[in-house]
């Protein structure tokens, strides 16, 4: 169900999985005993799938709002950026990334977050998310 070599597509998805899709579409994947679930607050839940991707759902509307590529993911962002790459190389490829001191991630207005290893400054995770996550009523599920 997850294509670990598929491109990372901002505003669209990762691994052939689509943002905005409903949690019920992933039942066969999520019932697997290797999947770890974590409730974030009262209405958001994250599923970690075999160190390949995290799926983040809003429980109020059941929609997938963020997908994070983890260390086993091999697909690339913009055909060049991948997990394990040094952040300086990422910034030379895509200068739209800016470091957010509060969140401690690199953010791009193109719909991407990158988290790096603080010791060697290599990419640990790449996340894509829905535009609606910036809205005030996001957690209410009104999107």
N, C-alpha and C. Protein backbone atom coordinates (compact mmCIF):
# COMPACT_ATOMS: atom_id res chain seq x y z
N UNK A 1 0.82 -1.20 0.00
CA UNK A 1 0.00 0.00 0.00
C UNK A 1 0.86 1.26 0.00
N UNK A 2 2.03 1.23 0.65
CA UNK A 2 2.93 2.38 0.65
C UNK A 2 4.08 2.10 -0.30
N UNK A 3 4.29 3.00 -1.23
CA UNK A 3 5.41 2.89 -2.16
C UNK A 3 6.56 3.72 -1.60
N UNK A 4 7.55 3.07 -1.01
CA UNK A 4 8.65 3.77 -0.33
C UNK A 4 9.57 4.50 -1.29
N UNK A 5 9.40 4.32 -2.58
CA UNK A 5 10.22 5.01 -3.58
C UNK A 5 9.47 6.11 -4.32
N UNK A 6 8.20 6.29 -4.00
CA UNK A 6 7.39 7.31 -4.69
C UNK A 6 7.89 8.70 -4.32
N UNK A 7 7.72 9.67 -5.23
CA UNK A 7 8.15 11.03 -4.92
C UNK A 7 7.36 11.63 -3.76
N UNK A 8 7.99 12.57 -3.08
CA UNK A 8 7.34 13.36 -2.03
C UNK A 8 6.74 14.57 -2.71
N UNK A 9 5.41 14.72 -2.62
CA UNK A 9 4.70 15.76 -3.36
C UNK A 9 4.03 16.74 -2.41
N UNK A 10 4.58 17.96 -2.28
CA UNK A 10 3.98 18.96 -1.41
C UNK A 10 2.51 19.20 -1.75
N UNK A 11 1.68 19.39 -0.72
CA UNK A 11 0.25 19.63 -0.80
C UNK A 11 -0.52 18.41 -1.32
N UNK A 12 0.18 17.32 -1.72
CA UNK A 12 -0.48 16.16 -2.34
C UNK A 12 -0.35 14.90 -1.49
N UNK A 13 0.91 14.45 -1.23
CA UNK A 13 1.08 13.24 -0.46
C UNK A 13 2.47 12.64 -0.55
N UNK A 14 2.62 11.47 0.04
CA UNK A 14 3.89 10.73 0.11
C UNK A 14 3.57 9.24 -0.04
N UNK A 15 4.40 8.55 -0.76
CA UNK A 15 4.30 7.10 -0.85
C UNK A 15 3.06 6.58 -1.55
N UNK A 16 2.45 7.44 -2.36
CA UNK A 16 1.19 7.06 -3.00
C UNK A 16 -0.01 7.28 -2.10
N UNK A 17 0.20 7.84 -0.91
CA UNK A 17 -0.87 8.15 0.03
C UNK A 17 -1.24 9.62 -0.14
N UNK A 18 -2.53 9.92 -0.11
CA UNK A 18 -3.00 11.27 -0.42
C UNK A 18 -3.49 12.03 0.80
N UNK A 19 -3.01 13.26 0.93
CA UNK A 19 -3.55 14.16 1.94
C UNK A 19 -5.04 14.33 1.67
N UNK A 20 -5.80 14.67 2.69
CA UNK A 20 -7.25 14.85 2.66
C UNK A 20 -8.02 13.53 2.60
N UNK A 21 -7.34 12.39 2.42
CA UNK A 21 -8.07 11.12 2.35
C UNK A 21 -8.56 10.73 3.74
N UNK A 22 -9.58 9.88 3.79
CA UNK A 22 -10.23 9.53 5.05
C UNK A 22 -9.53 8.36 5.74
N UNK A 23 -9.50 8.39 7.05
CA UNK A 23 -8.84 7.36 7.85
C UNK A 23 -9.37 5.96 7.54
N UNK A 24 -10.63 5.85 7.18
CA UNK A 24 -11.21 4.53 6.90
C UNK A 24 -10.54 3.86 5.70
N UNK A 25 -9.96 4.65 4.80
CA UNK A 25 -9.24 4.08 3.65
C UNK A 25 -8.00 3.31 4.07
N UNK A 26 -7.50 3.58 5.28
CA UNK A 26 -6.25 3.00 5.74
C UNK A 26 -6.44 1.90 6.77
N UNK A 27 -7.67 1.47 6.98
CA UNK A 27 -7.93 0.44 7.99
C UNK A 27 -7.04 -0.79 7.82
N UNK A 28 -6.92 -1.37 6.61
CA UNK A 28 -6.07 -2.57 6.47
C UNK A 28 -4.62 -2.33 6.87
N UNK A 29 -4.14 -1.12 6.68
CA UNK A 29 -2.77 -0.77 7.04
C UNK A 29 -2.64 -0.52 8.54
N UNK A 30 -3.59 0.18 9.12
CA UNK A 30 -3.50 0.62 10.52
C UNK A 30 -3.74 -0.49 11.53
N UNK A 31 -4.43 -1.57 11.15
CA UNK A 31 -4.68 -2.65 12.10
C UNK A 31 -3.46 -3.55 12.30
N UNK A 32 -2.45 -3.37 11.49
CA UNK A 32 -1.22 -4.15 11.60
C UNK A 32 -0.59 -3.92 12.97
N UNK A 33 -0.12 -4.98 13.61
CA UNK A 33 0.45 -4.85 14.96
C UNK A 33 1.76 -4.07 14.99
N UNK A 34 2.42 -3.89 13.84
CA UNK A 34 3.66 -3.12 13.79
C UNK A 34 3.41 -1.61 13.77
N UNK A 35 2.16 -1.20 13.67
CA UNK A 35 1.80 0.21 13.61
C UNK A 35 1.62 0.75 15.02
N UNK A 36 2.30 1.86 15.32
CA UNK A 36 2.20 2.51 16.62
C UNK A 36 1.30 3.74 16.50
N UNK A 37 0.37 3.91 17.44
CA UNK A 37 -0.53 5.06 17.43
C UNK A 37 -0.27 5.94 18.63
N UNK A 38 -0.38 7.26 18.41
CA UNK A 38 -0.21 8.20 19.52
C UNK A 38 -1.23 9.32 19.37
N UNK A 39 -2.03 9.51 20.41
CA UNK A 39 -3.01 10.59 20.43
C UNK A 39 -2.28 11.88 20.77
N UNK A 40 -2.53 12.92 20.00
CA UNK A 40 -1.90 14.23 20.20
C UNK A 40 -3.00 15.21 20.58
N UNK A 41 -3.07 15.56 21.85
CA UNK A 41 -4.20 16.34 22.31
C UNK A 41 -5.42 15.43 22.34
N UNK A 42 -6.58 15.99 22.01
CA UNK A 42 -7.80 15.19 22.03
C UNK A 42 -8.28 14.78 20.65
N UNK A 43 -7.89 15.51 19.62
CA UNK A 43 -8.51 15.30 18.32
C UNK A 43 -7.55 15.02 17.17
N UNK A 44 -6.28 14.84 17.47
CA UNK A 44 -5.30 14.52 16.43
C UNK A 44 -4.62 13.21 16.81
N UNK A 45 -4.36 12.38 15.81
CA UNK A 45 -3.70 11.10 16.07
C UNK A 45 -2.63 10.86 15.01
N UNK A 46 -1.53 10.28 15.47
CA UNK A 46 -0.42 9.95 14.56
C UNK A 46 -0.20 8.44 14.59
N UNK A 47 -0.06 7.87 13.41
CA UNK A 47 0.28 6.45 13.27
C UNK A 47 1.67 6.35 12.66
N UNK A 48 2.59 5.66 13.34
CA UNK A 48 3.92 5.41 12.79
C UNK A 48 3.93 4.02 12.17
N UNK A 49 4.26 3.97 10.90
CA UNK A 49 4.20 2.73 10.15
C UNK A 49 5.60 2.25 9.82
N UNK A 50 6.08 1.31 10.61
CA UNK A 50 7.33 0.60 10.35
C UNK A 50 8.51 1.50 9.98
N UNK A 51 8.65 2.61 10.68
CA UNK A 51 9.77 3.54 10.46
C UNK A 51 9.85 4.05 9.02
N UNK A 52 8.73 3.97 8.28
CA UNK A 52 8.73 4.45 6.90
C UNK A 52 7.97 5.75 6.76
N UNK A 53 6.77 5.82 7.33
CA UNK A 53 5.98 7.05 7.30
C UNK A 53 5.17 7.19 8.58
N UNK A 54 4.85 8.43 8.90
CA UNK A 54 3.87 8.75 9.93
C UNK A 54 2.65 9.31 9.22
N UNK A 55 1.47 8.86 9.62
CA UNK A 55 0.22 9.39 9.09
C UNK A 55 -0.48 10.14 10.22
N UNK A 56 -0.84 11.39 9.97
CA UNK A 56 -1.44 12.26 10.98
C UNK A 56 -2.88 12.56 10.56
N UNK A 57 -3.83 12.20 11.41
CA UNK A 57 -5.24 12.40 11.10
C UNK A 57 -5.90 13.34 12.10
N UNK A 58 -6.87 14.11 11.60
CA UNK A 58 -7.75 14.90 12.44
C UNK A 58 -8.96 14.02 12.73
N UNK A 59 -9.21 13.69 13.98
CA UNK A 59 -10.30 12.79 14.33
C UNK A 59 -11.67 13.42 14.20
N UNK A 60 -11.76 14.74 14.14
CA UNK A 60 -13.05 15.39 14.00
C UNK A 60 -13.65 15.17 12.61
N UNK A 61 -12.79 15.12 11.60
CA UNK A 61 -13.31 14.89 10.24
C UNK A 61 -12.74 13.62 9.60
N UNK A 62 -11.79 12.97 10.29
CA UNK A 62 -11.21 11.73 9.79
C UNK A 62 -10.21 11.90 8.67
N UNK A 63 -9.82 13.14 8.38
CA UNK A 63 -8.95 13.38 7.22
C UNK A 63 -7.46 13.36 7.56
N UNK A 64 -6.69 12.87 6.61
CA UNK A 64 -5.23 12.85 6.69
C UNK A 64 -4.71 14.26 6.41
N UNK A 65 -4.06 14.87 7.42
CA UNK A 65 -3.62 16.25 7.25
C UNK A 65 -2.11 16.41 7.12
N UNK A 66 -1.36 15.38 7.49
CA UNK A 66 0.09 15.46 7.35
C UNK A 66 0.65 14.05 7.16
N UNK A 67 1.67 13.95 6.32
CA UNK A 67 2.38 12.69 6.13
C UNK A 67 3.86 13.01 6.29
N UNK A 68 4.55 12.20 7.08
CA UNK A 68 5.98 12.40 7.33
C UNK A 68 6.76 11.19 6.83
N UNK A 69 7.73 11.45 5.96
CA UNK A 69 8.65 10.41 5.50
C UNK A 69 9.72 10.21 6.56
N UNK A 70 9.93 8.96 6.97
CA UNK A 70 10.90 8.63 8.01
C UNK A 70 12.13 7.95 7.41
N UNK A 71 12.99 7.40 8.25
CA UNK A 71 14.31 6.93 7.80
C UNK A 71 14.30 5.80 6.78
N UNK A 72 13.24 5.00 6.69
CA UNK A 72 13.20 3.92 5.69
C UNK A 72 12.63 4.38 4.35
N UNK A 73 12.20 5.63 4.28
CA UNK A 73 11.59 6.13 3.04
C UNK A 73 12.68 6.51 2.04
N UNK A 74 12.52 6.14 0.79
CA UNK A 74 13.55 6.36 -0.23
C UNK A 74 13.15 7.34 -1.32
N UNK A 75 11.88 7.70 -1.39
CA UNK A 75 11.43 8.66 -2.40
C UNK A 75 12.05 10.03 -2.15
N UNK A 76 12.02 10.87 -3.18
CA UNK A 76 12.67 12.18 -3.08
C UNK A 76 11.68 13.33 -3.25
N UNK A 77 12.04 14.44 -2.66
CA UNK A 77 11.33 15.70 -2.80
C UNK A 77 11.97 16.47 -3.94
N UNK A 78 11.18 16.97 -4.87
CA UNK A 78 11.67 17.71 -6.04
C UNK A 78 12.69 16.91 -6.85
N UNK A 79 12.63 15.58 -6.73
CA UNK A 79 13.52 14.72 -7.49
C UNK A 79 14.97 14.73 -7.04
N UNK A 80 15.28 15.46 -5.94
CA UNK A 80 16.67 15.61 -5.51
C UNK A 80 16.89 15.51 -4.01
N UNK A 81 15.90 15.91 -3.21
CA UNK A 81 16.07 15.99 -1.76
C UNK A 81 15.58 14.70 -1.12
N UNK A 82 16.41 14.12 -0.23
CA UNK A 82 16.10 12.82 0.36
C UNK A 82 16.49 12.78 1.84
N UNK A 83 15.96 11.78 2.53
CA UNK A 83 16.33 11.53 3.92
C UNK A 83 17.83 11.21 3.96
N UNK A 84 18.55 11.77 4.95
CA UNK A 84 19.98 11.51 5.11
C UNK A 84 20.88 12.55 4.46
N UNK A 85 20.32 13.42 3.65
CA UNK A 85 21.10 14.46 2.96
C UNK A 85 21.45 15.58 3.94
N UNK A 86 22.61 16.21 3.77
CA UNK A 86 23.00 17.33 4.62
C UNK A 86 22.12 18.54 4.30
N UNK A 87 21.73 19.29 5.33
CA UNK A 87 20.82 20.42 5.14
C UNK A 87 21.42 21.49 4.23
N UNK A 88 22.73 21.67 4.23
CA UNK A 88 23.33 22.67 3.34
C UNK A 88 23.09 22.32 1.88
N UNK A 89 23.13 21.04 1.56
CA UNK A 89 22.84 20.60 0.20
C UNK A 89 21.37 20.84 -0.14
N UNK A 90 20.49 20.59 0.82
CA UNK A 90 19.06 20.85 0.63
C UNK A 90 18.84 22.32 0.32
N UNK A 91 19.46 23.20 1.11
CA UNK A 91 19.27 24.64 0.94
C UNK A 91 19.83 25.14 -0.39
N UNK A 92 20.86 24.50 -0.90
CA UNK A 92 21.39 24.89 -2.21
C UNK A 92 20.44 24.46 -3.33
N UNK A 93 19.70 23.38 -3.12
CA UNK A 93 18.73 22.91 -4.11
C UNK A 93 17.44 23.70 -4.02
N UNK A 94 16.97 23.94 -2.81
CA UNK A 94 15.68 24.61 -2.58
C UNK A 94 15.83 25.71 -1.54
N UNK A 95 16.09 26.95 -1.99
CA UNK A 95 16.34 28.06 -1.07
C UNK A 95 15.10 28.58 -0.34
N UNK A 96 13.92 28.04 -0.62
CA UNK A 96 12.72 28.53 0.06
C UNK A 96 12.63 28.07 1.52
N UNK A 97 13.47 27.13 1.93
CA UNK A 97 13.44 26.66 3.31
C UNK A 97 14.05 27.69 4.26
N UNK A 98 13.34 27.93 5.36
CA UNK A 98 13.82 28.83 6.41
C UNK A 98 13.71 28.09 7.74
N UNK A 99 14.69 28.31 8.61
CA UNK A 99 14.68 27.63 9.90
C UNK A 99 13.71 28.33 10.84
N UNK A 100 12.86 27.56 11.49
CA UNK A 100 11.91 28.05 12.48
C UNK A 100 12.46 27.68 13.86
N UNK A 101 12.93 28.69 14.59
CA UNK A 101 13.54 28.45 15.90
C UNK A 101 12.57 27.83 16.90
N UNK A 102 11.31 28.24 16.84
CA UNK A 102 10.32 27.73 17.79
C UNK A 102 10.02 26.25 17.53
N UNK A 103 9.73 25.90 16.29
CA UNK A 103 9.40 24.51 15.94
C UNK A 103 10.64 23.64 15.75
N UNK A 104 11.80 24.28 15.58
CA UNK A 104 13.08 23.59 15.33
C UNK A 104 13.03 22.72 14.08
N UNK A 105 12.45 23.27 13.03
CA UNK A 105 12.37 22.60 11.72
C UNK A 105 12.63 23.63 10.63
N UNK A 106 12.97 23.14 9.44
CA UNK A 106 13.06 23.99 8.26
C UNK A 106 11.70 23.96 7.58
N UNK A 107 11.16 25.14 7.29
CA UNK A 107 9.83 25.26 6.69
C UNK A 107 9.94 25.90 5.32
N UNK A 108 9.07 25.48 4.43
CA UNK A 108 8.97 26.09 3.11
C UNK A 108 7.52 26.48 2.87
N UNK A 109 7.32 27.61 2.25
CA UNK A 109 5.97 28.05 1.89
C UNK A 109 5.36 27.14 0.83
N UNK A 110 6.14 26.20 0.34
CA UNK A 110 5.67 25.24 -0.67
C UNK A 110 4.99 24.03 -0.03
N UNK A 111 4.78 24.07 1.30
CA UNK A 111 4.04 23.00 1.96
C UNK A 111 4.88 21.87 2.51
N UNK A 112 6.07 22.19 3.00
CA UNK A 112 7.00 21.15 3.46
C UNK A 112 7.67 21.58 4.76
N UNK A 113 7.87 20.60 5.66
CA UNK A 113 8.72 20.76 6.84
C UNK A 113 9.84 19.75 6.71
N UNK A 114 11.04 20.15 7.12
CA UNK A 114 12.16 19.22 7.20
C UNK A 114 12.75 19.31 8.60
N UNK A 115 12.88 18.16 9.25
CA UNK A 115 13.55 18.13 10.55
C UNK A 115 14.90 17.48 10.37
N UNK A 116 15.91 18.09 11.00
CA UNK A 116 17.29 17.60 10.85
C UNK A 116 17.83 17.05 12.16
N UNK A 117 18.84 16.22 12.04
CA UNK A 117 19.58 15.72 13.19
C UNK A 117 20.43 16.87 13.71
N UNK A 118 20.30 17.25 14.99
CA UNK A 118 21.04 18.40 15.51
C UNK A 118 22.55 18.19 15.57
N UNK A 119 23.01 16.96 15.55
CA UNK A 119 24.43 16.68 15.65
C UNK A 119 25.12 16.81 14.29
N UNK A 120 24.60 16.11 13.29
CA UNK A 120 25.28 16.13 11.98
C UNK A 120 24.54 16.91 10.90
N UNK A 121 23.40 17.51 11.27
CA UNK A 121 22.62 18.38 10.37
C UNK A 121 22.16 17.68 9.09
N UNK A 122 21.83 16.39 9.21
CA UNK A 122 21.27 15.68 8.06
C UNK A 122 19.75 15.57 8.21
N UNK A 123 19.07 15.43 7.10
CA UNK A 123 17.62 15.35 7.08
C UNK A 123 17.17 14.05 7.74
N UNK A 124 16.33 14.17 8.78
CA UNK A 124 15.77 13.00 9.46
C UNK A 124 14.37 12.69 8.94
N UNK A 125 13.56 13.75 8.76
CA UNK A 125 12.16 13.59 8.36
C UNK A 125 11.79 14.68 7.37
N UNK A 126 10.91 14.33 6.45
CA UNK A 126 10.32 15.30 5.53
C UNK A 126 8.81 15.16 5.64
N UNK A 127 8.12 16.26 5.90
CA UNK A 127 6.66 16.23 6.05
C UNK A 127 5.98 17.10 5.01
N UNK A 128 4.85 16.62 4.51
CA UNK A 128 3.95 17.43 3.69
C UNK A 128 2.64 17.54 4.45
N UNK A 129 1.90 18.60 4.21
CA UNK A 129 0.70 18.84 4.99
C UNK A 129 -0.34 19.57 4.15
N UNK A 130 -1.56 19.62 4.67
CA UNK A 130 -2.65 20.32 3.97
C UNK A 130 -2.56 21.81 4.25
N UNK A 131 -2.99 22.60 3.29
CA UNK A 131 -3.00 24.06 3.47
C UNK A 131 -3.87 24.47 4.65
N UNK A 132 -4.93 23.73 4.88
CA UNK A 132 -5.89 24.07 5.93
C UNK A 132 -5.31 24.00 7.33
N UNK A 133 -4.15 23.39 7.51
CA UNK A 133 -3.56 23.29 8.85
C UNK A 133 -3.19 24.65 9.42
N UNK A 134 -3.15 25.66 8.57
CA UNK A 134 -2.86 27.03 9.01
C UNK A 134 -4.12 27.75 9.48
N UNK A 135 -5.31 27.19 9.21
CA UNK A 135 -6.57 27.84 9.55
C UNK A 135 -6.87 27.75 11.04
N UNK A 136 -7.58 28.75 11.53
CA UNK A 136 -7.90 28.82 12.95
C UNK A 136 -8.82 27.66 13.38
N UNK A 137 -9.72 27.23 12.50
CA UNK A 137 -10.65 26.17 12.87
C UNK A 137 -10.18 24.79 12.42
N UNK A 138 -8.88 24.65 12.18
CA UNK A 138 -8.32 23.38 11.71
C UNK A 138 -8.65 22.22 12.64
N UNK A 139 -8.37 22.38 13.93
CA UNK A 139 -8.55 21.27 14.87
C UNK A 139 -10.03 20.89 15.01
N UNK A 140 -10.93 21.84 14.76
CA UNK A 140 -12.36 21.55 14.81
C UNK A 140 -12.81 20.64 13.68
N UNK A 141 -11.95 20.48 12.66
CA UNK A 141 -12.28 19.62 11.53
C UNK A 141 -13.12 20.30 10.47
N UNK A 142 -13.24 21.61 10.54
CA UNK A 142 -14.05 22.35 9.56
C UNK A 142 -13.25 22.69 8.32
N UNK A 143 -12.84 21.65 7.60
CA UNK A 143 -12.10 21.85 6.35
C UNK A 143 -12.29 20.66 5.45
